[in-house]
Structure formats: structure tokens, C-alpha cells
Amino acid sequence: FQGVDISTFFASMLKVNPWWLLGAFAAMFIYWFLEAVVLQTASKPANKDQRFFSSFRITMIGQFFNTITPMATGGQPAQLVMLTKQGMDAGRGSSVLLVKFIIYQAMVVLNFLVILIFGIHYLMTGVTQLKFLVLLGFGVHVVVIAALILVGRSQKFTTKLVHVLLLPTRLFMKKEKVANLKNTLDEKIITFHEESSRIGKDWKLIVRCCFYT
């Protein structure tokens, strides 16, 4: 609004077709609703008492923290905190959110592939300056999925990664506290991989989550 006259803005808003605004709001609500459906579908086996209203509330909390944190990094940690408050183990909650994110990334790549197949002509002839950026983005998504799957499938890799990330804590924490934290995280990694393995074998659940996503 820095370079916009407020009276001109409101005069323009009065000319906007309200049906397009309602359509945009409806599309946004459907997106939130389906996000909650995916979360409910993925988390219900790990927490039988999870209700859909709770999943929707956790989804909206994630949306809020995605909006107010740099590069939308705060959404999933906030959702994990809420899942643990609902009675879910932190390791299992982390696994549910990781699988949900992997499915989201995979569906992005699938859409990417469809667009590349049917729109490659426009990409190569219409916006030639962007083609390398588009292909770079596609490559980054593929690498992210591969890395996330490695974290979800390899307990040894995840444990080593967490231990490396814990190294800076030695600078400002006592050895006993670092050791206790390390042991606690090792226990959560075990439950994390148990849940990842269970979800990975449940193809019906994965297909449903992919469809909703």
C-alpha cells in the first residue's frame, strides 16, 4: 500500500466481481479441508482418539505458523507440538508429518511431470529464459524427496545426522544433559522409524493420502 492511494483501492474493490472472491475463498477452504483429511488419514492409526476437528485445528495452526515464519519453516514444528499434546508420541508424530510432506512433494513432482510433458513446447519456445530455472526447481524437488525418504527409511543415517546436529549443544550444555538428550532422541528415532515402516507398508493409506493431496 506504500504507493497506492487508499481511496482508489477501495473504489477498485467495489468493481470486483464478488463471485470470483467467493470462489477464491472456497478454493482456499477446500485446500485447508483436504490438508486436514490427509493429516487425519495419516495420524489416525497412530492415535485412535484423533478426531477430525482436532486434525483441522492442527492444520490451521500449521498454516498460521507457515505464514509468520521465514520460508514457512514453523508450520510443521508447531503441528508436531500440537500432535504431542493430543497424546501422540513425538517420534510417531514426526513420522506422520514426514510421510505427509513426502507425499506432498511427490505430488508436486507428479504435477511437474504432467506439465512438462504437455507444456514442454511452450517452455522451450515461449519462456526460454525460464527453462533452466524450471528444470533446476524440478531437480531440487527430486533431491528433497530422495533425502526425506532416506531419513524415513534409514534409522542408521537418521541417528548419525541427529548426533551431528547435537554437536553444537556441547558448547553450552553439561555433558550429562547432552547425554540424556541424546538418549531421549535415540528413543524417539526408534519410534519414528517404527511408524515410518508401518505407514510405508500401508499402501491403501498412501494411495488415499496421494489422492487427497
N, C-alpha and C. Protein backbone atom coordinates (compact mmCIF):
# COMPACT_ATOMS: atom_id res chain seq x y z
N PHE A 1 0.82 -1.21 0.00
CA PHE A 1 0.00 0.00 0.00
C PHE A 1 0.85 1.27 0.00
N GLN A 2 2.19 1.13 0.00
CA GLN A 2 3.04 2.32 0.10
C GLN A 2 2.81 3.30 -1.05
N GLY A 3 2.68 2.74 -2.27
CA GLY A 3 2.50 3.62 -3.42
C GLY A 3 1.08 3.60 -3.98
N VAL A 4 0.12 3.18 -3.15
CA VAL A 4 -1.26 3.06 -3.62
C VAL A 4 -2.16 4.03 -2.86
N ASP A 5 -2.97 4.76 -3.59
CA ASP A 5 -3.93 5.65 -2.96
C ASP A 5 -5.09 4.81 -2.40
N ILE A 6 -5.37 4.95 -1.10
CA ILE A 6 -6.36 4.12 -0.43
C ILE A 6 -7.75 4.28 -1.04
N SER A 7 -8.13 5.53 -1.35
CA SER A 7 -9.46 5.77 -1.93
C SER A 7 -9.59 5.10 -3.29
N THR A 8 -8.50 5.11 -4.07
CA THR A 8 -8.50 4.44 -5.38
C THR A 8 -8.63 2.93 -5.21
N PHE A 9 -7.94 2.41 -4.17
CA PHE A 9 -8.00 0.97 -3.91
C PHE A 9 -9.43 0.54 -3.58
N PHE A 10 -10.09 1.26 -2.67
CA PHE A 10 -11.45 0.88 -2.29
C PHE A 10 -12.43 1.07 -3.45
N ALA A 11 -12.20 2.09 -4.27
CA ALA A 11 -13.04 2.30 -5.44
C ALA A 11 -12.89 1.13 -6.42
N SER A 12 -11.67 0.63 -6.55
CA SER A 12 -11.42 -0.53 -7.42
C SER A 12 -12.06 -1.79 -6.85
N MET A 13 -11.99 -1.95 -5.52
CA MET A 13 -12.56 -3.14 -4.88
C MET A 13 -14.07 -3.22 -5.08
N LEU A 14 -14.73 -2.06 -5.15
CA LEU A 14 -16.19 -2.04 -5.36
C LEU A 14 -16.57 -2.56 -6.73
N LYS A 15 -15.62 -2.54 -7.65
CA LYS A 15 -15.88 -3.01 -9.02
C LYS A 15 -15.56 -4.50 -9.20
N VAL A 16 -14.97 -5.10 -8.16
CA VAL A 16 -14.58 -6.51 -8.25
C VAL A 16 -15.82 -7.39 -8.24
N ASN A 17 -15.79 -8.43 -9.09
CA ASN A 17 -16.89 -9.39 -9.11
C ASN A 17 -16.83 -10.24 -7.84
N PRO A 18 -17.84 -10.14 -6.94
CA PRO A 18 -17.79 -10.87 -5.65
C PRO A 18 -17.77 -12.38 -5.82
N TRP A 19 -18.30 -12.88 -6.95
CA TRP A 19 -18.33 -14.33 -7.15
C TRP A 19 -16.93 -14.90 -7.31
N TRP A 20 -16.03 -14.12 -7.92
CA TRP A 20 -14.64 -14.58 -8.05
C TRP A 20 -13.97 -14.63 -6.67
N LEU A 21 -14.28 -13.65 -5.83
CA LEU A 21 -13.73 -13.65 -4.47
C LEU A 21 -14.26 -14.84 -3.67
N LEU A 22 -15.56 -15.10 -3.79
CA LEU A 22 -16.16 -16.24 -3.11
C LEU A 22 -15.55 -17.56 -3.61
N GLY A 23 -15.31 -17.62 -4.93
CA GLY A 23 -14.67 -18.81 -5.49
C GLY A 23 -13.27 -19.01 -4.95
N ALA A 24 -12.53 -17.90 -4.79
CA ALA A 24 -11.17 -17.98 -4.25
C ALA A 24 -11.20 -18.44 -2.79
N PHE A 25 -12.13 -17.88 -2.00
CA PHE A 25 -12.27 -18.29 -0.60
C PHE A 25 -12.66 -19.76 -0.50
N ALA A 26 -13.56 -20.20 -1.38
CA ALA A 26 -14.00 -21.60 -1.38
C ALA A 26 -12.83 -22.53 -1.71
N ALA A 27 -12.03 -22.15 -2.71
CA ALA A 27 -10.87 -22.97 -3.09
C ALA A 27 -9.87 -23.06 -1.94
N MET A 28 -9.68 -21.94 -1.22
CA MET A 28 -8.76 -21.93 -0.09
C MET A 28 -9.26 -22.83 1.02
N PHE A 29 -10.58 -22.76 1.29
CA PHE A 29 -11.15 -23.59 2.34
C PHE A 29 -11.05 -25.08 1.98
N ILE A 30 -11.30 -25.42 0.71
CA ILE A 30 -11.19 -26.82 0.26
C ILE A 30 -9.76 -27.31 0.46
N TYR A 31 -8.78 -26.44 0.16
CA TYR A 31 -7.37 -26.79 0.36
C TYR A 31 -7.11 -27.11 1.83
N TRP A 32 -7.59 -26.24 2.74
CA TRP A 32 -7.40 -26.48 4.18
C TRP A 32 -8.10 -27.76 4.60
N PHE A 33 -9.31 -27.97 4.09
CA PHE A 33 -10.09 -29.15 4.44
C PHE A 33 -9.37 -30.44 4.03
N LEU A 34 -8.84 -30.46 2.79
CA LEU A 34 -8.15 -31.65 2.30
C LEU A 34 -6.83 -31.87 3.03
N GLU A 35 -6.15 -30.78 3.42
CA GLU A 35 -4.95 -30.90 4.25
C GLU A 35 -5.28 -31.61 5.56
N ALA A 36 -6.41 -31.22 6.15
CA ALA A 36 -6.84 -31.85 7.40
C ALA A 36 -7.23 -33.31 7.19
N VAL A 37 -7.83 -33.62 6.04
CA VAL A 37 -8.20 -35.00 5.73
C VAL A 37 -6.94 -35.87 5.62
N VAL A 38 -5.91 -35.35 4.96
CA VAL A 38 -4.65 -36.09 4.83
C VAL A 38 -4.02 -36.31 6.21
N LEU A 39 -4.00 -35.26 7.03
CA LEU A 39 -3.43 -35.39 8.37
C LEU A 39 -4.21 -36.40 9.20
N GLN A 40 -5.54 -36.35 9.12
CA GLN A 40 -6.37 -37.29 9.85
C GLN A 40 -6.14 -38.72 9.38
N THR A 41 -6.06 -38.91 8.06
CA THR A 41 -5.85 -40.24 7.48
C THR A 41 -4.51 -40.83 7.92
N ALA A 42 -3.47 -39.99 7.92
CA ALA A 42 -2.12 -40.47 8.26
C ALA A 42 -1.94 -40.68 9.76
N SER A 43 -2.61 -39.87 10.59
CA SER A 43 -2.35 -39.93 12.03
C SER A 43 -3.31 -40.83 12.79
N LYS A 44 -4.46 -41.14 12.21
CA LYS A 44 -5.47 -41.95 12.92
C LYS A 44 -4.93 -43.31 13.39
N PRO A 45 -4.16 -44.05 12.55
CA PRO A 45 -3.63 -45.35 13.02
C PRO A 45 -2.70 -45.21 14.23
N ALA A 46 -1.99 -44.07 14.32
CA ALA A 46 -1.06 -43.87 15.43
C ALA A 46 -1.75 -43.33 16.68
N ASN A 47 -2.93 -42.73 16.49
CA ASN A 47 -3.69 -42.18 17.62
C ASN A 47 -5.17 -42.40 17.36
N LYS A 48 -5.70 -43.48 17.91
CA LYS A 48 -7.08 -43.89 17.64
C LYS A 48 -8.09 -42.83 18.08
N ASP A 49 -7.70 -41.99 19.06
CA ASP A 49 -8.63 -41.00 19.60
C ASP A 49 -8.63 -39.68 18.81
N GLN A 50 -7.82 -39.61 17.77
CA GLN A 50 -7.73 -38.37 16.99
C GLN A 50 -9.05 -38.10 16.27
N ARG A 51 -9.61 -36.92 16.50
CA ARG A 51 -10.86 -36.52 15.83
C ARG A 51 -10.55 -35.60 14.68
N PHE A 52 -11.48 -35.54 13.70
CA PHE A 52 -11.23 -34.72 12.52
C PHE A 52 -11.13 -33.23 12.89
N PHE A 53 -11.95 -32.80 13.85
CA PHE A 53 -11.88 -31.39 14.26
C PHE A 53 -10.48 -31.04 14.76
N SER A 54 -9.87 -31.97 15.52
CA SER A 54 -8.51 -31.74 16.02
C SER A 54 -7.52 -31.65 14.85
N SER A 55 -7.69 -32.54 13.85
CA SER A 55 -6.81 -32.51 12.68
C SER A 55 -6.96 -31.19 11.92
N PHE A 56 -8.19 -30.70 11.82
CA PHE A 56 -8.42 -29.42 11.13
C PHE A 56 -7.79 -28.27 11.91
N ARG A 57 -7.94 -28.30 13.23
CA ARG A 57 -7.35 -27.26 14.07
C ARG A 57 -5.83 -27.26 13.95
N ILE A 58 -5.22 -28.47 13.97
CA ILE A 58 -3.76 -28.58 13.84
C ILE A 58 -3.32 -28.10 12.46
N THR A 59 -4.11 -28.40 11.43
CA THR A 59 -3.81 -27.92 10.08
C THR A 59 -3.78 -26.40 10.04
N MET A 60 -4.78 -25.76 10.66
CA MET A 60 -4.85 -24.29 10.65
C MET A 60 -3.72 -23.67 11.46
N ILE A 61 -3.33 -24.34 12.55
CA ILE A 61 -2.17 -23.86 13.33
C ILE A 61 -0.91 -23.91 12.46
N GLY A 62 -0.77 -25.01 11.69
CA GLY A 62 0.37 -25.12 10.77
C GLY A 62 0.35 -24.03 9.72
N GLN A 63 -0.83 -23.72 9.17
CA GLN A 63 -0.97 -22.65 8.19
C GLN A 63 -0.55 -21.30 8.79
N PHE A 64 -0.98 -21.07 10.03
CA PHE A 64 -0.65 -19.81 10.70
C PHE A 64 0.86 -19.66 10.88
N PHE A 65 1.50 -20.70 11.40
CA PHE A 65 2.94 -20.61 11.65
C PHE A 65 3.75 -20.61 10.35
N ASN A 66 3.23 -21.26 9.29
CA ASN A 66 3.87 -21.15 7.98
C ASN A 66 3.88 -19.71 7.49
N THR A 67 2.80 -18.99 7.80
CA THR A 67 2.65 -17.62 7.32
C THR A 67 3.56 -16.65 8.04
N ILE A 68 3.79 -16.85 9.35
CA ILE A 68 4.53 -15.85 10.13
C ILE A 68 6.00 -16.19 10.31
N THR A 69 6.46 -17.34 9.76
CA THR A 69 7.88 -17.69 9.90
C THR A 69 8.58 -17.65 8.54
N PRO A 70 9.88 -17.34 8.53
CA PRO A 70 10.62 -17.27 7.26
C PRO A 70 10.59 -18.58 6.49
N MET A 71 10.30 -18.52 5.20
CA MET A 71 10.27 -19.68 4.30
C MET A 71 9.34 -20.79 4.82
N ALA A 72 8.31 -20.41 5.56
CA ALA A 72 7.27 -21.34 6.05
C ALA A 72 7.88 -22.51 6.83
N THR A 73 8.88 -22.21 7.68
CA THR A 73 9.58 -23.28 8.41
C THR A 73 8.93 -23.63 9.74
N GLY A 74 7.99 -22.80 10.22
CA GLY A 74 7.45 -23.02 11.55
C GLY A 74 6.20 -23.88 11.61
N GLY A 75 5.61 -24.18 10.46
CA GLY A 75 4.34 -24.90 10.44
C GLY A 75 4.41 -26.30 11.01
N GLN A 76 5.34 -27.10 10.52
CA GLN A 76 5.43 -28.50 10.96
C GLN A 76 5.87 -28.64 12.41
N PRO A 77 6.87 -27.87 12.90
CA PRO A 77 7.19 -27.96 14.33
C PRO A 77 5.98 -27.63 15.21
N ALA A 78 5.19 -26.63 14.82
CA ALA A 78 4.00 -26.27 15.59
C ALA A 78 2.98 -27.41 15.56
N GLN A 79 2.83 -28.04 14.40
CA GLN A 79 1.90 -29.16 14.29
C GLN A 79 2.37 -30.34 15.14
N LEU A 80 3.69 -30.57 15.19
CA LEU A 80 4.23 -31.66 16.00
C LEU A 80 3.93 -31.42 17.48
N VAL A 81 4.10 -30.18 17.93
CA VAL A 81 3.79 -29.85 19.33
C VAL A 81 2.33 -30.15 19.63
N MET A 82 1.44 -29.77 18.70
CA MET A 82 0.01 -30.00 18.92
C MET A 82 -0.34 -31.49 18.89
N LEU A 83 0.32 -32.25 18.01
CA LEU A 83 0.08 -33.70 17.96
C LEU A 83 0.50 -34.36 19.28
N THR A 84 1.62 -33.92 19.84
CA THR A 84 2.06 -34.50 21.12
C THR A 84 1.09 -34.12 22.25
N LYS A 85 0.51 -32.93 22.16
CA LYS A 85 -0.49 -32.53 23.15
C LYS A 85 -1.77 -33.35 23.02
N GLN A 86 -2.00 -33.88 21.81
CA GLN A 86 -3.15 -34.75 21.60
C GLN A 86 -2.90 -36.17 22.11
N GLY A 87 -1.67 -36.43 22.58
CA GLY A 87 -1.34 -37.73 23.15
C GLY A 87 -0.51 -38.61 22.25
N MET A 88 -0.05 -38.09 21.11
CA MET A 88 0.77 -38.89 20.20
C MET A 88 2.24 -38.77 20.58
N ASP A 89 2.96 -39.88 20.50
CA ASP A 89 4.39 -39.88 20.75
C ASP A 89 5.10 -38.97 19.74
N ALA A 90 6.11 -38.23 20.20
CA ALA A 90 6.80 -37.27 19.34
C ALA A 90 7.45 -37.95 18.14
N GLY A 91 8.00 -39.16 18.36
CA GLY A 91 8.62 -39.89 17.25
C GLY A 91 7.61 -40.27 16.20
N ARG A 92 6.44 -40.77 16.65
CA ARG A 92 5.39 -41.16 15.70
C ARG A 92 4.80 -39.93 15.02
N GLY A 93 4.64 -38.85 15.77
CA GLY A 93 4.13 -37.61 15.18
C GLY A 93 5.06 -37.07 14.12
N SER A 94 6.37 -37.12 14.38
CA SER A 94 7.36 -36.68 13.39
C SER A 94 7.27 -37.52 12.12
N SER A 95 7.08 -38.83 12.31
CA SER A 95 6.97 -39.74 11.16
C SER A 95 5.74 -39.43 10.32
N VAL A 96 4.60 -39.19 10.99
CA VAL A 96 3.36 -38.86 10.28
C VAL A 96 3.54 -37.59 9.45
N LEU A 97 4.14 -36.57 10.04
CA LEU A 97 4.34 -35.30 9.33
C LEU A 97 5.35 -35.45 8.20
N LEU A 98 6.39 -36.28 8.41
CA LEU A 98 7.38 -36.51 7.36
C LEU A 98 6.75 -37.21 6.17
N VAL A 99 5.98 -38.27 6.42
CA VAL A 99 5.33 -39.01 5.34
C VAL A 99 4.36 -38.10 4.59
N LYS A 100 3.63 -37.28 5.34
CA LYS A 100 2.69 -36.32 4.74
C LYS A 100 3.44 -35.35 3.82
N PHE A 101 4.61 -34.89 4.27
CA PHE A 101 5.40 -33.94 3.47
C PHE A 101 6.00 -34.62 2.24
N ILE A 102 6.45 -35.88 2.40
CA ILE A 102 6.99 -36.63 1.26
C ILE A 102 5.91 -36.80 0.19
N ILE A 103 4.69 -37.14 0.63
CA ILE A 103 3.58 -37.31 -0.32
C ILE A 103 3.29 -36.00 -1.03
N TYR A 104 3.31 -34.90 -0.26
CA TYR A 104 3.07 -33.58 -0.87
C TYR A 104 4.12 -33.28 -1.93
N GLN A 105 5.39 -33.50 -1.60
CA GLN A 105 6.48 -33.24 -2.55
C GLN A 105 6.34 -34.14 -3.78
N ALA A 106 5.97 -35.41 -3.55
CA ALA A 106 5.83 -36.36 -4.66
C ALA A 106 4.71 -35.92 -5.60
N MET A 107 3.61 -35.42 -5.05
CA MET A 107 2.50 -34.95 -5.89
C MET A 107 2.87 -33.68 -6.66
N VAL A 108 3.71 -32.84 -6.04
CA VAL A 108 4.22 -31.65 -6.74
C VAL A 108 5.04 -32.08 -7.96
N VAL A 109 5.93 -33.08 -7.74
CA VAL A 109 6.77 -33.59 -8.83
C VAL A 109 5.91 -34.24 -9.92
N LEU A 110 4.85 -34.97 -9.51
CA LEU A 110 3.96 -35.60 -10.48
C LEU A 110 3.26 -34.55 -11.34
N ASN A 111 2.76 -33.50 -10.70
CA ASN A 111 2.16 -32.40 -11.45
C ASN A 111 3.18 -31.73 -12.37
N PHE A 112 4.39 -31.59 -11.85
CA PHE A 112 5.51 -31.03 -12.61
C PHE A 112 5.73 -31.83 -13.89
N LEU A 113 5.76 -33.17 -13.75
CA LEU A 113 5.99 -34.04 -14.89
C LEU A 113 4.87 -33.91 -15.93
N VAL A 114 3.62 -33.85 -15.46
CA VAL A 114 2.48 -33.71 -16.38
C VAL A 114 2.59 -32.40 -17.15
N ILE A 115 2.93 -31.32 -16.42
CA ILE A 115 3.06 -30.01 -17.07
C ILE A 115 4.22 -30.01 -18.07
N LEU A 116 5.33 -30.65 -17.70
CA LEU A 116 6.48 -30.72 -18.61
C LEU A 116 6.14 -31.50 -19.87
N ILE A 117 5.38 -32.61 -19.70
CA ILE A 117 5.03 -33.44 -20.85
C ILE A 117 4.14 -32.69 -21.83
N PHE A 118 3.12 -32.01 -21.27
CA PHE A 118 2.14 -31.35 -22.14
C PHE A 118 2.49 -29.90 -22.45
N GLY A 119 3.42 -29.32 -21.68
CA GLY A 119 3.74 -27.91 -21.89
C GLY A 119 5.18 -27.65 -22.26
N ILE A 120 5.92 -28.72 -22.62
CA ILE A 120 7.34 -28.56 -22.93
C ILE A 120 7.56 -27.64 -24.13
N HIS A 121 6.62 -27.66 -25.07
CA HIS A 121 6.74 -26.80 -26.27
C HIS A 121 6.71 -25.33 -25.86
N TYR A 122 5.76 -24.96 -24.99
CA TYR A 122 5.64 -23.56 -24.56
C TYR A 122 6.84 -23.15 -23.72
N LEU A 123 7.35 -24.11 -22.94
CA LEU A 123 8.50 -23.82 -22.09
C LEU A 123 9.75 -23.53 -22.93
N MET A 124 9.93 -24.33 -24.00
CA MET A 124 11.14 -24.20 -24.82
C MET A 124 11.08 -23.05 -25.82
N THR A 125 9.85 -22.65 -26.18
CA THR A 125 9.72 -21.61 -27.20
C THR A 125 9.20 -20.29 -26.65
N GLY A 126 8.30 -20.36 -25.64
CA GLY A 126 7.68 -19.15 -25.13
C GLY A 126 8.46 -18.45 -24.04
N VAL A 127 9.00 -19.23 -23.11
CA VAL A 127 9.74 -18.64 -21.98
C VAL A 127 11.10 -19.33 -21.86
N THR A 128 11.89 -19.18 -22.90
CA THR A 128 13.18 -19.88 -22.95
C THR A 128 14.10 -19.48 -21.81
N GLN A 129 13.96 -18.23 -21.31
CA GLN A 129 14.84 -17.78 -20.23
C GLN A 129 14.57 -18.54 -18.93
N LEU A 130 13.36 -19.08 -18.80
CA LEU A 130 12.98 -19.73 -17.55
C LEU A 130 13.23 -21.24 -17.55
N LYS A 131 13.54 -21.81 -18.71
CA LYS A 131 13.58 -23.27 -18.79
C LYS A 131 14.62 -23.88 -17.85
N PHE A 132 15.78 -23.23 -17.72
CA PHE A 132 16.82 -23.77 -16.85
C PHE A 132 16.40 -23.66 -15.38
N LEU A 133 15.73 -22.54 -15.04
CA LEU A 133 15.23 -22.36 -13.68
C LEU A 133 14.17 -23.40 -13.34
N VAL A 134 13.28 -23.67 -14.30
CA VAL A 134 12.22 -24.66 -14.11
C VAL A 134 12.83 -26.05 -13.90
N LEU A 135 13.79 -26.41 -14.74
CA LEU A 135 14.43 -27.72 -14.62
C LEU A 135 15.23 -27.83 -13.32
N LEU A 136 15.83 -26.70 -12.90
CA LEU A 136 16.56 -26.68 -11.62
C LEU A 136 15.58 -26.92 -10.47
N GLY A 137 14.42 -26.26 -10.52
CA GLY A 137 13.39 -26.45 -9.49
C GLY A 137 12.93 -27.90 -9.43
N PHE A 138 12.75 -28.50 -10.60
CA PHE A 138 12.35 -29.91 -10.67
C PHE A 138 13.40 -30.80 -10.03
N GLY A 139 14.67 -30.52 -10.34
CA GLY A 139 15.77 -31.30 -9.77
C GLY A 139 15.84 -31.17 -8.26
N VAL A 140 15.62 -29.95 -7.75
CA VAL A 140 15.65 -29.72 -6.30
C VAL A 140 14.55 -30.53 -5.61
N HIS A 141 13.34 -30.54 -6.19
CA HIS A 141 12.23 -31.31 -5.62
C HIS A 141 12.58 -32.81 -5.55
N VAL A 142 13.18 -33.33 -6.61
CA VAL A 142 13.54 -34.75 -6.65
C VAL A 142 14.58 -35.07 -5.58
N VAL A 143 15.58 -34.19 -5.43
CA VAL A 143 16.62 -34.39 -4.42
C VAL A 143 16.02 -34.34 -3.01
N VAL A 144 15.10 -33.39 -2.78
CA VAL A 144 14.45 -33.26 -1.47
C VAL A 144 13.68 -34.54 -1.13
N ILE A 145 12.93 -35.08 -2.11
CA ILE A 145 12.18 -36.31 -1.87
C ILE A 145 13.12 -37.46 -1.53
N ALA A 146 14.21 -37.58 -2.31
CA ALA A 146 15.18 -38.67 -2.06
C ALA A 146 15.78 -38.55 -0.66
N ALA A 147 16.11 -37.32 -0.25
CA ALA A 147 16.70 -37.11 1.08
C ALA A 147 15.70 -37.44 2.19
N LEU A 148 14.45 -37.04 2.00
CA LEU A 148 13.42 -37.31 3.00
C LEU A 148 13.14 -38.80 3.13
N ILE A 149 13.12 -39.50 1.99
CA ILE A 149 12.90 -40.95 2.01
C ILE A 149 14.06 -41.64 2.73
N LEU A 150 15.29 -41.14 2.50
CA LEU A 150 16.46 -41.71 3.18
C LEU A 150 16.35 -41.53 4.69
N VAL A 151 15.90 -40.35 5.12
CA VAL A 151 15.71 -40.10 6.55
C VAL A 151 14.63 -41.02 7.12
N GLY A 152 13.55 -41.20 6.34
CA GLY A 152 12.44 -42.03 6.81
C GLY A 152 12.73 -43.51 6.82
N ARG A 153 13.63 -43.97 5.94
CA ARG A 153 13.87 -45.40 5.80
C ARG A 153 15.11 -45.89 6.55
N SER A 154 16.13 -45.05 6.66
CA SER A 154 17.39 -45.49 7.24
C SER A 154 17.53 -44.96 8.67
N GLN A 155 17.35 -45.84 9.63
CA GLN A 155 17.50 -45.44 11.03
C GLN A 155 18.95 -45.08 11.35
N LYS A 156 19.88 -45.79 10.75
CA LYS A 156 21.30 -45.53 10.97
C LYS A 156 21.68 -44.13 10.49
N PHE A 157 21.22 -43.77 9.29
CA PHE A 157 21.53 -42.45 8.73
C PHE A 157 20.91 -41.35 9.59
N THR A 158 19.64 -41.52 9.99
CA THR A 158 18.95 -40.51 10.79
C THR A 158 19.64 -40.32 12.14
N THR A 159 20.04 -41.43 12.77
CA THR A 159 20.71 -41.36 14.06
C THR A 159 22.02 -40.59 13.95
N LYS A 160 22.81 -40.89 12.93
CA LYS A 160 24.08 -40.18 12.73
C LYS A 160 23.85 -38.70 12.46
N LEU A 161 22.82 -38.39 11.67
CA LEU A 161 22.51 -37.00 11.34
C LEU A 161 22.13 -36.22 12.60
N VAL A 162 21.29 -36.82 13.44
CA VAL A 162 20.88 -36.17 14.69
C VAL A 162 22.07 -35.98 15.62
N HIS A 163 22.96 -36.96 15.71
CA HIS A 163 24.14 -36.85 16.56
C HIS A 163 25.05 -35.72 16.10
N VAL A 164 25.17 -35.56 14.78
CA VAL A 164 25.98 -34.45 14.23
C VAL A 164 25.35 -33.12 14.60
N LEU A 165 24.02 -33.03 14.47
CA LEU A 165 23.32 -31.79 14.79
C LEU A 165 23.39 -31.46 16.29
N LEU A 166 23.63 -32.47 17.11
CA LEU A 166 23.73 -32.25 18.55
C LEU A 166 25.10 -31.74 18.99
N LEU A 167 26.09 -31.83 18.12
CA LEU A 167 27.46 -31.44 18.49
C LEU A 167 27.56 -30.01 19.06
N PRO A 168 26.89 -29.01 18.45
CA PRO A 168 27.00 -27.64 18.99
C PRO A 168 26.45 -27.51 20.41
N THR A 169 25.56 -28.41 20.86
CA THR A 169 24.99 -28.30 22.21
C THR A 169 26.04 -28.49 23.29
N ARG A 170 27.15 -29.12 22.94
CA ARG A 170 28.22 -29.34 23.92
C ARG A 170 28.86 -28.03 24.35
N LEU A 171 28.69 -26.98 23.53
CA LEU A 171 29.29 -25.69 23.85
C LEU A 171 28.58 -24.96 24.98
N PHE A 172 27.28 -25.25 25.19
CA PHE A 172 26.53 -24.51 26.21
C PHE A 172 25.70 -25.42 27.12
N MET A 173 25.91 -26.75 27.04
CA MET A 173 25.20 -27.68 27.92
C MET A 173 26.19 -28.62 28.59
N LYS A 174 25.85 -29.09 29.80
CA LYS A 174 26.70 -30.04 30.51
C LYS A 174 26.67 -31.40 29.81
N LYS A 175 27.74 -32.17 30.00
CA LYS A 175 27.87 -33.48 29.35
C LYS A 175 26.70 -34.40 29.71
N GLU A 176 26.28 -34.33 30.99
CA GLU A 176 25.19 -35.20 31.44
C GLU A 176 23.89 -34.87 30.70
N LYS A 177 23.61 -33.58 30.54
CA LYS A 177 22.38 -33.15 29.86
C LYS A 177 22.43 -33.52 28.38
N VAL A 178 23.61 -33.36 27.77
CA VAL A 178 23.76 -33.73 26.36
C VAL A 178 23.54 -35.22 26.18
N ALA A 179 24.09 -36.03 27.10
CA ALA A 179 23.93 -37.49 27.03
C ALA A 179 22.47 -37.89 27.20
N ASN A 180 21.77 -37.24 28.15
CA ASN A 180 20.35 -37.53 28.37
C ASN A 180 19.52 -37.15 27.14
N LEU A 181 19.83 -35.98 26.56
CA LEU A 181 19.12 -35.54 25.36
C LEU A 181 19.36 -36.50 24.20
N LYS A 182 20.61 -36.96 24.08
CA LYS A 182 20.98 -37.90 23.03
C LYS A 182 20.20 -39.21 23.18
N ASN A 183 20.12 -39.71 24.41
CA ASN A 183 19.39 -40.96 24.66
C ASN A 183 17.90 -40.81 24.36
N THR A 184 17.33 -39.66 24.77
CA THR A 184 15.91 -39.40 24.52
C THR A 184 15.63 -39.36 23.03
N LEU A 185 16.49 -38.66 22.29
CA LEU A 185 16.30 -38.55 20.84
C LEU A 185 16.47 -39.90 20.15
N ASP A 186 17.40 -40.71 20.65
CA ASP A 186 17.60 -42.05 20.08
C ASP A 186 16.33 -42.89 20.24
N GLU A 187 15.67 -42.75 21.40
CA GLU A 187 14.42 -43.48 21.63
C GLU A 187 13.33 -42.98 20.67
N LYS A 188 13.26 -41.67 20.46
CA LYS A 188 12.25 -41.11 19.56
C LYS A 188 12.52 -41.52 18.11
N ILE A 189 13.81 -41.66 17.77
CA ILE A 189 14.16 -42.10 16.41
C ILE A 189 13.66 -43.52 16.16
N ILE A 190 13.73 -44.36 17.19
CA ILE A 190 13.25 -45.74 17.07
C ILE A 190 11.75 -45.75 16.78
N THR A 191 10.95 -45.00 17.58
CA THR A 191 9.50 -44.95 17.34
C THR A 191 9.19 -44.26 16.02
N PHE A 192 10.01 -43.28 15.65
CA PHE A 192 9.86 -42.59 14.37
C PHE A 192 9.96 -43.58 13.21
N HIS A 193 10.95 -44.45 13.24
CA HIS A 193 11.15 -45.40 12.16
C HIS A 193 10.16 -46.57 12.21
N GLU A 194 9.72 -46.91 13.40
CA GLU A 194 8.67 -47.93 13.51
C GLU A 194 7.40 -47.45 12.81
N GLU A 195 7.04 -46.18 13.05
CA GLU A 195 5.83 -45.61 12.43
C GLU A 195 6.03 -45.42 10.93
N SER A 196 7.23 -44.98 10.53
CA SER A 196 7.52 -44.81 9.09
C SER A 196 7.41 -46.13 8.35
N SER A 197 7.92 -47.19 8.99
CA SER A 197 7.85 -48.53 8.39
C SER A 197 6.40 -49.00 8.27
N ARG A 198 5.62 -48.74 9.32
CA ARG A 198 4.21 -49.16 9.29
C ARG A 198 3.44 -48.43 8.18
N ILE A 199 3.64 -47.11 8.09
CA ILE A 199 2.95 -46.33 7.06
C ILE A 199 3.42 -46.75 5.67
N GLY A 200 4.74 -47.01 5.54
CA GLY A 200 5.29 -47.41 4.25
C GLY A 200 4.71 -48.70 3.71
N LYS A 201 4.25 -49.57 4.62
CA LYS A 201 3.66 -50.85 4.20
C LYS A 201 2.15 -50.75 3.95
N ASP A 202 1.56 -49.64 4.40
CA ASP A 202 0.11 -49.46 4.26
C ASP A 202 -0.18 -48.72 2.95
N TRP A 203 -0.22 -49.48 1.85
CA TRP A 203 -0.37 -48.85 0.53
C TRP A 203 -1.73 -48.19 0.34
N LYS A 204 -2.77 -48.76 0.98
CA LYS A 204 -4.10 -48.16 0.87
C LYS A 204 -4.09 -46.75 1.47
N LEU A 205 -3.44 -46.61 2.62
CA LEU A 205 -3.34 -45.30 3.27
C LEU A 205 -2.57 -44.32 2.39
N ILE A 206 -1.44 -44.78 1.83
CA ILE A 206 -0.62 -43.91 0.99
C ILE A 206 -1.37 -43.44 -0.25
N VAL A 207 -2.08 -44.38 -0.89
CA VAL A 207 -2.85 -44.03 -2.10
C VAL A 207 -3.94 -43.01 -1.77
N ARG A 208 -4.63 -43.20 -0.64
CA ARG A 208 -5.67 -42.26 -0.21
C ARG A 208 -5.07 -40.87 0.03
N CYS A 209 -3.93 -40.84 0.73
CA CYS A 209 -3.28 -39.55 1.01
C CYS A 209 -2.82 -38.87 -0.28
N CYS A 210 -2.31 -39.66 -1.21
CA CYS A 210 -1.89 -39.11 -2.51
C CYS A 210 -3.09 -38.53 -3.25
N PHE A 211 -4.21 -39.23 -3.22
CA PHE A 211 -5.41 -38.78 -3.91
C PHE A 211 -5.90 -37.45 -3.32
N TYR A 212 -5.98 -37.38 -2.00
CA TYR A 212 -6.45 -36.14 -1.36
C TYR A 212 -5.47 -34.99 -1.62
N THR A 213 -4.17 -35.31 -1.60
CA THR A 213 -3.16 -34.27 -1.86
C THR A 213 -3.24 -33.76 -3.28
